[in-house]
Amino acid sequence: MKVLYWTMLNYALAFMFHMAWWRVFPPKKHTLALLEIFFLFYTIGCIVLWKFPTPIGIYTPNSIPEFIYSTIFYFSMVFGYVCFYSVLEVDSPGLMIVNTTAKYGTDGATMDDLSVIFENNPFTDSRIGHMELDKLVYKKRDKYLPTPKGLFLMKLITFYRDLLGIQKGG
């Protein structure tokens, strides 16, 4: 359990720093900046918390296997977050579809309305079909409307983008 606590503390500190830094100084190279922040915090955490094992009651890994487990766990979370963050940076086709259907309100958006966002994109029909299967949008009299699930996911992603100050569309 001490590996879990120590690693989560280290990750949480890096994450909070990242959130604060992004609000004040959004970097130009996001992926590199994220990796630098998380690597720096892990390195500092290893040095400081190893030298002072219980400054706040968190016990550090004290053997090589525990350190290896902590490193694997920490960087698995970091790389997972970097992948998730890259999704937030751009408007995904699914998010654009739900957003467009929401803008049309109760009238719904026709396939032509949705095709405009994806001009020259052969995957529009396929993506909308998958979104219907996932219950993110539904079709009513040749018009597409967002489901509560689709609206919730759109609002969640939009909220997190706003929290980090990420501009829509990349």
N, C-alpha and C. Protein backbone atom coordinates (compact mmCIF):
# COMPACT_ATOMS: atom_id res chain seq x y z
N MET A 1 0.81 -1.20 0.00
CA MET A 1 0.00 0.00 0.00
C MET A 1 0.85 1.26 0.00
N LYS A 2 2.07 1.17 0.61
CA LYS A 2 2.88 2.38 0.67
C LYS A 2 3.32 2.82 -0.72
N VAL A 3 3.49 1.86 -1.63
CA VAL A 3 3.84 2.21 -3.01
C VAL A 3 2.69 2.99 -3.63
N LEU A 4 1.47 2.54 -3.41
CA LEU A 4 0.29 3.21 -3.95
C LEU A 4 0.19 4.64 -3.41
N TYR A 5 0.27 4.78 -2.10
CA TYR A 5 0.12 6.10 -1.49
C TYR A 5 1.22 7.05 -1.95
N TRP A 6 2.44 6.60 -1.93
CA TRP A 6 3.57 7.45 -2.30
C TRP A 6 3.47 7.87 -3.77
N THR A 7 3.14 6.91 -4.62
CA THR A 7 3.04 7.20 -6.05
C THR A 7 1.88 8.14 -6.33
N MET A 8 0.74 7.90 -5.71
CA MET A 8 -0.43 8.77 -5.92
C MET A 8 -0.16 10.19 -5.40
N LEU A 9 0.52 10.31 -4.28
CA LEU A 9 0.87 11.63 -3.75
C LEU A 9 1.76 12.37 -4.75
N ASN A 10 2.76 11.69 -5.24
CA ASN A 10 3.68 12.29 -6.20
C ASN A 10 2.93 12.71 -7.47
N TYR A 11 2.06 11.83 -7.96
CA TYR A 11 1.28 12.13 -9.16
C TYR A 11 0.32 13.30 -8.91
N ALA A 12 -0.34 13.30 -7.77
CA ALA A 12 -1.29 14.37 -7.44
C ALA A 12 -0.59 15.73 -7.36
N LEU A 13 0.59 15.77 -6.78
CA LEU A 13 1.34 17.03 -6.70
C LEU A 13 1.71 17.52 -8.10
N ALA A 14 2.17 16.62 -8.94
CA ALA A 14 2.52 17.00 -10.32
C ALA A 14 1.29 17.46 -11.08
N PHE A 15 0.17 16.77 -10.88
CA PHE A 15 -1.06 17.11 -11.57
C PHE A 15 -1.56 18.49 -11.15
N MET A 16 -1.51 18.78 -9.84
CA MET A 16 -1.96 20.09 -9.37
C MET A 16 -1.05 21.20 -9.90
N PHE A 17 0.25 20.93 -9.95
CA PHE A 17 1.16 21.91 -10.52
C PHE A 17 0.84 22.14 -11.99
N HIS A 18 0.60 21.06 -12.71
CA HIS A 18 0.25 21.16 -14.14
C HIS A 18 -1.01 22.00 -14.32
N MET A 19 -2.03 21.75 -13.52
CA MET A 19 -3.29 22.51 -13.63
C MET A 19 -3.05 24.00 -13.38
N ALA A 20 -2.31 24.31 -12.34
CA ALA A 20 -2.04 25.72 -12.00
C ALA A 20 -1.18 26.38 -13.08
N TRP A 21 -0.16 25.70 -13.52
CA TRP A 21 0.76 26.25 -14.53
C TRP A 21 0.03 26.53 -15.83
N TRP A 22 -0.83 25.59 -16.24
CA TRP A 22 -1.57 25.74 -17.50
C TRP A 22 -2.48 26.96 -17.47
N ARG A 23 -3.06 27.23 -16.33
CA ARG A 23 -3.97 28.38 -16.23
C ARG A 23 -3.21 29.70 -16.41
N VAL A 24 -1.97 29.75 -15.93
CA VAL A 24 -1.19 30.99 -15.96
C VAL A 24 -0.30 31.07 -17.20
N PHE A 25 0.40 29.98 -17.50
CA PHE A 25 1.36 29.96 -18.62
C PHE A 25 1.10 28.76 -19.52
N PRO A 26 0.08 28.80 -20.37
CA PRO A 26 -0.16 27.64 -21.24
C PRO A 26 1.01 27.45 -22.21
N PRO A 27 1.60 26.26 -22.25
CA PRO A 27 2.77 26.03 -23.10
C PRO A 27 2.39 25.86 -24.57
N LYS A 28 3.37 26.01 -25.43
CA LYS A 28 3.14 25.82 -26.86
C LYS A 28 3.22 24.33 -27.22
N LYS A 29 4.13 23.61 -26.59
CA LYS A 29 4.30 22.18 -26.85
C LYS A 29 3.73 21.41 -25.65
N HIS A 30 2.45 21.11 -25.71
CA HIS A 30 1.76 20.53 -24.56
C HIS A 30 2.32 19.18 -24.14
N THR A 31 2.50 18.28 -25.08
CA THR A 31 2.93 16.93 -24.72
C THR A 31 4.30 16.96 -24.06
N LEU A 32 5.22 17.69 -24.63
CA LEU A 32 6.56 17.79 -24.06
C LEU A 32 6.50 18.43 -22.67
N ALA A 33 5.70 19.48 -22.52
CA ALA A 33 5.57 20.15 -21.22
C ALA A 33 4.99 19.21 -20.17
N LEU A 34 3.98 18.44 -20.54
CA LEU A 34 3.40 17.48 -19.61
C LEU A 34 4.44 16.45 -19.16
N LEU A 35 5.16 15.90 -20.11
CA LEU A 35 6.17 14.90 -19.78
C LEU A 35 7.26 15.50 -18.89
N GLU A 36 7.66 16.73 -19.19
CA GLU A 36 8.69 17.38 -18.37
C GLU A 36 8.20 17.60 -16.94
N ILE A 37 6.98 18.09 -16.80
CA ILE A 37 6.43 18.35 -15.46
C ILE A 37 6.35 17.05 -14.66
N PHE A 38 5.78 16.02 -15.24
CA PHE A 38 5.61 14.77 -14.50
C PHE A 38 6.96 14.09 -14.22
N PHE A 39 7.88 14.16 -15.15
CA PHE A 39 9.20 13.58 -14.92
C PHE A 39 9.92 14.34 -13.81
N LEU A 40 9.86 15.67 -13.87
CA LEU A 40 10.50 16.50 -12.86
C LEU A 40 9.94 16.20 -11.47
N PHE A 41 8.63 16.12 -11.36
CA PHE A 41 8.03 15.85 -10.06
C PHE A 41 8.38 14.46 -9.55
N TYR A 42 8.47 13.49 -10.44
CA TYR A 42 8.84 12.14 -10.00
C TYR A 42 10.28 12.13 -9.50
N THR A 43 11.14 12.81 -10.22
CA THR A 43 12.54 12.86 -9.82
C THR A 43 12.69 13.57 -8.48
N ILE A 44 12.05 14.72 -8.34
CA ILE A 44 12.11 15.46 -7.08
C ILE A 44 11.50 14.62 -5.95
N GLY A 45 10.37 14.00 -6.24
CA GLY A 45 9.71 13.16 -5.24
C GLY A 45 10.60 12.03 -4.77
N CYS A 46 11.29 11.42 -5.72
CA CYS A 46 12.20 10.31 -5.36
C CYS A 46 13.32 10.80 -4.45
N ILE A 47 13.85 11.94 -4.77
CA ILE A 47 14.98 12.47 -3.98
C ILE A 47 14.51 12.95 -2.61
N VAL A 48 13.49 13.82 -2.59
CA VAL A 48 13.04 14.41 -1.33
C VAL A 48 12.39 13.38 -0.42
N LEU A 49 11.44 12.62 -0.94
CA LEU A 49 10.73 11.69 -0.07
C LEU A 49 11.57 10.47 0.30
N TRP A 50 12.61 10.19 -0.45
CA TRP A 50 13.49 9.09 -0.08
C TRP A 50 14.43 9.54 1.04
N LYS A 51 14.87 10.78 0.96
CA LYS A 51 15.75 11.32 2.00
C LYS A 51 15.01 11.52 3.32
N PHE A 52 13.75 11.95 3.22
CA PHE A 52 12.92 12.21 4.40
C PHE A 52 11.68 11.32 4.31
N PRO A 53 11.80 10.06 4.71
CA PRO A 53 10.74 9.07 4.45
C PRO A 53 9.36 9.38 5.01
N THR A 54 9.25 10.07 6.12
CA THR A 54 7.92 10.28 6.68
C THR A 54 7.67 11.73 7.10
N PRO A 55 7.88 12.68 6.19
CA PRO A 55 7.62 14.06 6.62
C PRO A 55 6.15 14.34 6.86
N ILE A 56 5.28 13.66 6.17
CA ILE A 56 3.84 13.88 6.35
C ILE A 56 3.10 12.56 6.53
N GLY A 57 3.81 11.55 6.98
CA GLY A 57 3.17 10.27 7.24
C GLY A 57 3.04 9.37 6.02
N ILE A 58 3.65 9.72 4.92
CA ILE A 58 3.62 8.87 3.73
C ILE A 58 4.94 8.12 3.67
N TYR A 59 4.87 6.83 3.68
CA TYR A 59 6.08 6.01 3.64
C TYR A 59 6.48 5.77 2.19
N THR A 60 7.76 5.89 1.94
CA THR A 60 8.27 5.74 0.58
C THR A 60 8.68 4.30 0.32
N PRO A 61 8.77 3.93 -0.94
CA PRO A 61 9.30 2.61 -1.25
C PRO A 61 10.72 2.49 -0.69
N ASN A 62 11.02 1.36 -0.06
CA ASN A 62 12.34 1.22 0.54
C ASN A 62 13.13 0.04 -0.02
N SER A 63 12.67 -0.50 -1.13
CA SER A 63 13.43 -1.57 -1.77
C SER A 63 13.38 -1.36 -3.29
N ILE A 64 14.28 -2.00 -3.97
CA ILE A 64 14.34 -1.86 -5.43
C ILE A 64 13.03 -2.33 -6.09
N PRO A 65 12.46 -3.49 -5.73
CA PRO A 65 11.19 -3.89 -6.35
C PRO A 65 10.06 -2.87 -6.11
N GLU A 66 9.98 -2.31 -4.90
CA GLU A 66 8.95 -1.31 -4.63
C GLU A 66 9.17 -0.06 -5.49
N PHE A 67 10.41 0.33 -5.65
CA PHE A 67 10.73 1.49 -6.48
C PHE A 67 10.34 1.21 -7.94
N ILE A 68 10.62 0.02 -8.41
CA ILE A 68 10.27 -0.36 -9.79
C ILE A 68 8.76 -0.36 -9.96
N TYR A 69 8.01 -0.92 -9.01
CA TYR A 69 6.54 -0.92 -9.08
C TYR A 69 6.01 0.51 -9.11
N SER A 70 6.58 1.35 -8.25
CA SER A 70 6.14 2.73 -8.20
C SER A 70 6.40 3.44 -9.52
N THR A 71 7.57 3.21 -10.09
CA THR A 71 7.93 3.85 -11.35
C THR A 71 6.99 3.40 -12.47
N ILE A 72 6.73 2.11 -12.55
CA ILE A 72 5.83 1.58 -13.58
C ILE A 72 4.42 2.16 -13.40
N PHE A 73 3.93 2.18 -12.17
CA PHE A 73 2.59 2.69 -11.89
C PHE A 73 2.51 4.18 -12.23
N TYR A 74 3.48 4.95 -11.79
CA TYR A 74 3.49 6.40 -12.01
C TYR A 74 3.49 6.72 -13.50
N PHE A 75 4.41 6.14 -14.23
CA PHE A 75 4.50 6.49 -15.64
C PHE A 75 3.38 5.89 -16.47
N SER A 76 2.75 4.83 -16.00
CA SER A 76 1.54 4.34 -16.66
C SER A 76 0.44 5.38 -16.56
N MET A 77 0.30 5.96 -15.37
CA MET A 77 -0.70 7.02 -15.19
C MET A 77 -0.34 8.25 -16.03
N VAL A 78 0.94 8.59 -16.07
CA VAL A 78 1.37 9.76 -16.84
C VAL A 78 1.08 9.57 -18.32
N PHE A 79 1.47 8.43 -18.88
CA PHE A 79 1.26 8.21 -20.31
C PHE A 79 -0.23 8.10 -20.64
N GLY A 80 -1.00 7.52 -19.73
CA GLY A 80 -2.46 7.49 -19.93
C GLY A 80 -3.03 8.89 -19.95
N TYR A 81 -2.56 9.74 -19.05
CA TYR A 81 -3.04 11.12 -19.02
C TYR A 81 -2.61 11.89 -20.25
N VAL A 82 -1.40 11.68 -20.72
CA VAL A 82 -0.92 12.37 -21.92
C VAL A 82 -1.80 11.98 -23.12
N CYS A 83 -2.15 10.71 -23.22
CA CYS A 83 -3.05 10.27 -24.31
C CYS A 83 -4.42 10.93 -24.16
N PHE A 84 -4.95 10.95 -22.94
CA PHE A 84 -6.25 11.58 -22.70
C PHE A 84 -6.19 13.07 -23.01
N TYR A 85 -5.12 13.73 -22.61
CA TYR A 85 -4.98 15.16 -22.85
C TYR A 85 -4.96 15.46 -24.34
N SER A 86 -4.31 14.61 -25.12
CA SER A 86 -4.24 14.86 -26.56
C SER A 86 -5.64 14.81 -27.19
N VAL A 87 -6.54 14.03 -26.61
CA VAL A 87 -7.92 13.97 -27.09
C VAL A 87 -8.62 15.30 -26.81
N LEU A 88 -8.30 15.92 -25.69
CA LEU A 88 -8.94 17.18 -25.33
C LEU A 88 -8.50 18.34 -26.20
N GLU A 89 -7.31 18.23 -26.78
CA GLU A 89 -6.75 19.35 -27.54
C GLU A 89 -7.48 19.62 -28.84
N VAL A 90 -8.07 18.62 -29.42
CA VAL A 90 -8.74 18.80 -30.71
C VAL A 90 -10.20 18.40 -30.59
N ASP A 91 -11.00 18.92 -31.49
CA ASP A 91 -12.40 18.52 -31.52
C ASP A 91 -12.49 17.16 -32.20
N SER A 92 -12.91 16.17 -31.46
CA SER A 92 -13.09 14.85 -32.05
C SER A 92 -14.36 14.86 -32.89
N PRO A 93 -14.44 13.99 -33.88
CA PRO A 93 -15.67 13.95 -34.69
C PRO A 93 -16.92 13.72 -33.85
N GLY A 94 -16.80 12.84 -32.87
CA GLY A 94 -17.96 12.56 -32.02
C GLY A 94 -18.40 13.77 -31.23
N LEU A 95 -17.45 14.48 -30.67
CA LEU A 95 -17.78 15.69 -29.91
C LEU A 95 -18.40 16.74 -30.81
N MET A 96 -17.89 16.87 -32.02
CA MET A 96 -18.44 17.85 -32.96
C MET A 96 -19.87 17.49 -33.35
N ILE A 97 -20.16 16.20 -33.51
CA ILE A 97 -21.51 15.76 -33.87
C ILE A 97 -22.48 16.06 -32.73
N VAL A 98 -22.12 15.68 -31.51
CA VAL A 98 -23.01 15.92 -30.36
C VAL A 98 -23.20 17.42 -30.18
N ASN A 99 -22.14 18.19 -30.31
CA ASN A 99 -22.21 19.64 -30.15
C ASN A 99 -23.14 20.26 -31.20
N THR A 100 -23.02 19.81 -32.45
CA THR A 100 -23.88 20.34 -33.53
C THR A 100 -25.34 19.96 -33.31
N THR A 101 -25.59 18.71 -32.91
CA THR A 101 -26.99 18.31 -32.68
C THR A 101 -27.57 19.10 -31.50
N ALA A 102 -26.74 19.39 -30.50
CA ALA A 102 -27.22 20.17 -29.36
C ALA A 102 -27.56 21.60 -29.77
N LYS A 103 -26.78 22.17 -30.69
CA LYS A 103 -27.04 23.54 -31.14
C LYS A 103 -28.38 23.65 -31.86
N TYR A 104 -28.81 22.59 -32.52
CA TYR A 104 -30.08 22.62 -33.24
C TYR A 104 -31.27 22.42 -32.30
N GLY A 105 -30.98 22.10 -31.05
CA GLY A 105 -32.03 21.98 -30.04
C GLY A 105 -33.02 20.87 -30.35
N THR A 106 -34.29 21.12 -30.04
CA THR A 106 -35.32 20.10 -30.21
C THR A 106 -35.67 19.86 -31.67
N ASP A 107 -35.27 20.78 -32.56
CA ASP A 107 -35.52 20.57 -33.99
C ASP A 107 -34.64 19.48 -34.56
N GLY A 108 -33.44 19.30 -34.00
CA GLY A 108 -32.52 18.29 -34.48
C GLY A 108 -31.74 18.75 -35.71
N ALA A 109 -30.68 18.04 -36.01
CA ALA A 109 -29.83 18.35 -37.16
C ALA A 109 -30.01 17.27 -38.22
N THR A 110 -30.14 17.69 -39.45
CA THR A 110 -30.26 16.73 -40.54
C THR A 110 -28.87 16.18 -40.88
N MET A 111 -28.86 15.13 -41.69
CA MET A 111 -27.58 14.57 -42.13
C MET A 111 -26.80 15.60 -42.94
N ASP A 112 -27.51 16.44 -43.68
CA ASP A 112 -26.84 17.50 -44.44
C ASP A 112 -26.17 18.51 -43.51
N ASP A 113 -26.86 18.84 -42.39
CA ASP A 113 -26.27 19.76 -41.41
C ASP A 113 -24.98 19.19 -40.83
N LEU A 114 -25.01 17.90 -40.55
CA LEU A 114 -23.84 17.25 -39.97
C LEU A 114 -22.73 17.06 -40.99
N SER A 115 -23.09 16.83 -42.24
CA SER A 115 -22.09 16.62 -43.28
C SER A 115 -21.27 17.88 -43.54
N VAL A 116 -21.86 19.04 -43.28
CA VAL A 116 -21.15 20.30 -43.51
C VAL A 116 -19.89 20.37 -42.64
N ILE A 117 -19.98 19.87 -41.40
CA ILE A 117 -18.80 19.94 -40.52
C ILE A 117 -17.68 19.03 -41.02
N PHE A 118 -18.05 18.00 -41.75
CA PHE A 118 -17.07 17.02 -42.20
C PHE A 118 -16.98 16.96 -43.71
N GLU A 119 -17.02 18.09 -44.37
CA GLU A 119 -16.96 18.08 -45.82
C GLU A 119 -15.74 17.29 -46.28
N ASN A 120 -15.95 16.47 -47.31
CA ASN A 120 -14.91 15.63 -47.89
C ASN A 120 -14.39 14.58 -46.91
N ASN A 121 -15.17 14.22 -45.92
CA ASN A 121 -14.76 13.18 -44.98
C ASN A 121 -15.64 11.95 -45.19
N PRO A 122 -15.09 10.87 -45.71
CA PRO A 122 -15.90 9.68 -46.00
C PRO A 122 -16.35 8.92 -44.76
N PHE A 123 -15.87 9.30 -43.58
CA PHE A 123 -16.18 8.55 -42.38
C PHE A 123 -17.36 9.10 -41.60
N THR A 124 -17.98 10.17 -42.08
CA THR A 124 -19.08 10.81 -41.35
C THR A 124 -20.21 9.84 -41.09
N ASP A 125 -20.69 9.15 -42.12
CA ASP A 125 -21.82 8.22 -41.94
C ASP A 125 -21.47 7.13 -40.94
N SER A 126 -20.28 6.60 -41.07
CA SER A 126 -19.84 5.52 -40.17
C SER A 126 -19.78 6.02 -38.73
N ARG A 127 -19.24 7.20 -38.53
CA ARG A 127 -19.09 7.75 -37.17
C ARG A 127 -20.45 8.02 -36.54
N ILE A 128 -21.36 8.58 -37.32
CA ILE A 128 -22.70 8.85 -36.79
C ILE A 128 -23.39 7.53 -36.45
N GLY A 129 -23.21 6.52 -37.28
CA GLY A 129 -23.77 5.20 -36.98
C GLY A 129 -23.25 4.64 -35.67
N HIS A 130 -21.95 4.77 -35.44
CA HIS A 130 -21.37 4.30 -34.19
C HIS A 130 -21.89 5.10 -32.99
N MET A 131 -22.10 6.39 -33.20
CA MET A 131 -22.61 7.21 -32.11
C MET A 131 -24.05 6.85 -31.77
N GLU A 132 -24.81 6.43 -32.78
CA GLU A 132 -26.17 5.95 -32.51
C GLU A 132 -26.11 4.67 -31.70
N LEU A 133 -25.22 3.77 -32.07
CA LEU A 133 -25.07 2.50 -31.33
C LEU A 133 -24.64 2.76 -29.88
N ASP A 134 -23.78 3.75 -29.69
CA ASP A 134 -23.31 4.08 -28.34
C ASP A 134 -24.29 4.95 -27.57
N LYS A 135 -25.41 5.29 -28.21
CA LYS A 135 -26.47 6.10 -27.60
C LYS A 135 -25.98 7.49 -27.20
N LEU A 136 -25.17 8.10 -28.08
CA LEU A 136 -24.74 9.47 -27.88
C LEU A 136 -25.64 10.43 -28.66
N VAL A 137 -26.18 9.96 -29.78
CA VAL A 137 -27.17 10.70 -30.57
C VAL A 137 -28.25 9.71 -30.99
N TYR A 138 -29.42 10.24 -31.35
CA TYR A 138 -30.47 9.38 -31.88
C TYR A 138 -31.15 10.09 -33.05
N LYS A 139 -31.78 9.29 -33.90
CA LYS A 139 -32.41 9.84 -35.09
C LYS A 139 -33.92 9.91 -34.88
N LYS A 140 -34.48 11.08 -35.21
CA LYS A 140 -35.92 11.28 -35.08
C LYS A 140 -36.38 12.02 -36.33
N ARG A 141 -37.16 11.34 -37.18
CA ARG A 141 -37.65 11.92 -38.44
C ARG A 141 -36.52 12.54 -39.26
N ASP A 142 -35.53 11.78 -39.59
CA ASP A 142 -34.39 12.19 -40.41
C ASP A 142 -33.54 13.31 -39.80
N LYS A 143 -33.68 13.51 -38.51
CA LYS A 143 -32.85 14.50 -37.82
C LYS A 143 -32.18 13.83 -36.63
N TYR A 144 -30.96 14.29 -36.32
CA TYR A 144 -30.20 13.73 -35.20
C TYR A 144 -30.26 14.66 -34.01
N LEU A 145 -30.48 14.07 -32.85
CA LEU A 145 -30.56 14.81 -31.59
C LEU A 145 -29.59 14.18 -30.59
N PRO A 146 -29.03 14.99 -29.69
CA PRO A 146 -28.13 14.41 -28.68
C PRO A 146 -28.93 13.71 -27.59
N THR A 147 -28.40 12.62 -27.08
CA THR A 147 -29.01 11.96 -25.95
C THR A 147 -28.48 12.61 -24.66
N PRO A 148 -29.09 12.35 -23.53
CA PRO A 148 -28.54 12.88 -22.27
C PRO A 148 -27.09 12.41 -22.05
N LYS A 149 -26.80 11.18 -22.42
CA LYS A 149 -25.44 10.66 -22.29
C LYS A 149 -24.47 11.46 -23.17
N GLY A 150 -24.86 11.74 -24.40
CA GLY A 150 -24.02 12.52 -25.31
C GLY A 150 -23.80 13.93 -24.80
N LEU A 151 -24.86 14.55 -24.29
CA LEU A 151 -24.73 15.91 -23.74
C LEU A 151 -23.83 15.92 -22.51
N PHE A 152 -23.98 14.90 -21.65
CA PHE A 152 -23.16 14.82 -20.45
C PHE A 152 -21.67 14.72 -20.83
N LEU A 153 -21.34 13.83 -21.77
CA LEU A 153 -19.93 13.69 -22.17
C LEU A 153 -19.40 14.96 -22.80
N MET A 154 -20.22 15.62 -23.62
CA MET A 154 -19.80 16.87 -24.25
C MET A 154 -19.53 17.93 -23.18
N LYS A 155 -20.43 18.04 -22.20
CA LYS A 155 -20.26 19.04 -21.14
C LYS A 155 -19.05 18.72 -20.26
N LEU A 156 -18.82 17.44 -20.00
CA LEU A 156 -17.67 17.03 -19.19
C LEU A 156 -16.36 17.41 -19.89
N ILE A 157 -16.25 17.11 -21.17
CA ILE A 157 -15.03 17.44 -21.91
C ILE A 157 -14.88 18.96 -22.03
N THR A 158 -15.97 19.64 -22.29
CA THR A 158 -15.92 21.10 -22.40
C THR A 158 -15.52 21.73 -21.07
N PHE A 159 -16.06 21.22 -19.95
CA PHE A 159 -15.71 21.73 -18.63
C PHE A 159 -14.22 21.55 -18.37
N TYR A 160 -13.69 20.38 -18.68
CA TYR A 160 -12.28 20.11 -18.42
C TYR A 160 -11.39 20.98 -19.31
N ARG A 161 -11.81 21.19 -20.55
CA ARG A 161 -11.06 22.09 -21.45
C ARG A 161 -11.03 23.50 -20.87
N ASP A 162 -12.19 23.97 -20.41
CA ASP A 162 -12.27 25.31 -19.83
C ASP A 162 -11.41 25.41 -18.56
N LEU A 163 -11.41 24.35 -17.77
CA LEU A 163 -10.62 24.32 -16.53
C LEU A 163 -9.14 24.50 -16.83
N LEU A 164 -8.66 23.86 -17.90
CA LEU A 164 -7.27 23.96 -18.28
C LEU A 164 -6.98 25.14 -19.21
N GLY A 165 -8.03 25.80 -19.68
CA GLY A 165 -7.84 26.92 -20.59
C GLY A 165 -7.47 26.49 -21.99
N ILE A 166 -7.90 25.30 -22.40
CA ILE A 166 -7.60 24.80 -23.74
C ILE A 166 -8.61 25.36 -24.71
N GLN A 167 -8.14 25.92 -25.80
CA GLN A 167 -9.03 26.46 -26.83
C GLN A 167 -9.65 25.31 -27.59
N LYS A 168 -10.90 25.45 -27.98
CA LYS A 168 -11.59 24.43 -28.76
C LYS A 168 -10.98 24.37 -30.14
N GLY A 169 -10.88 23.15 -30.65
CA GLY A 169 -10.37 22.97 -32.00
C GLY A 169 -8.86 22.91 -32.09
N GLY A 170 -8.17 22.74 -30.98
CA GLY A 170 -6.73 22.52 -31.04
C GLY A 170 -5.89 23.62 -30.51
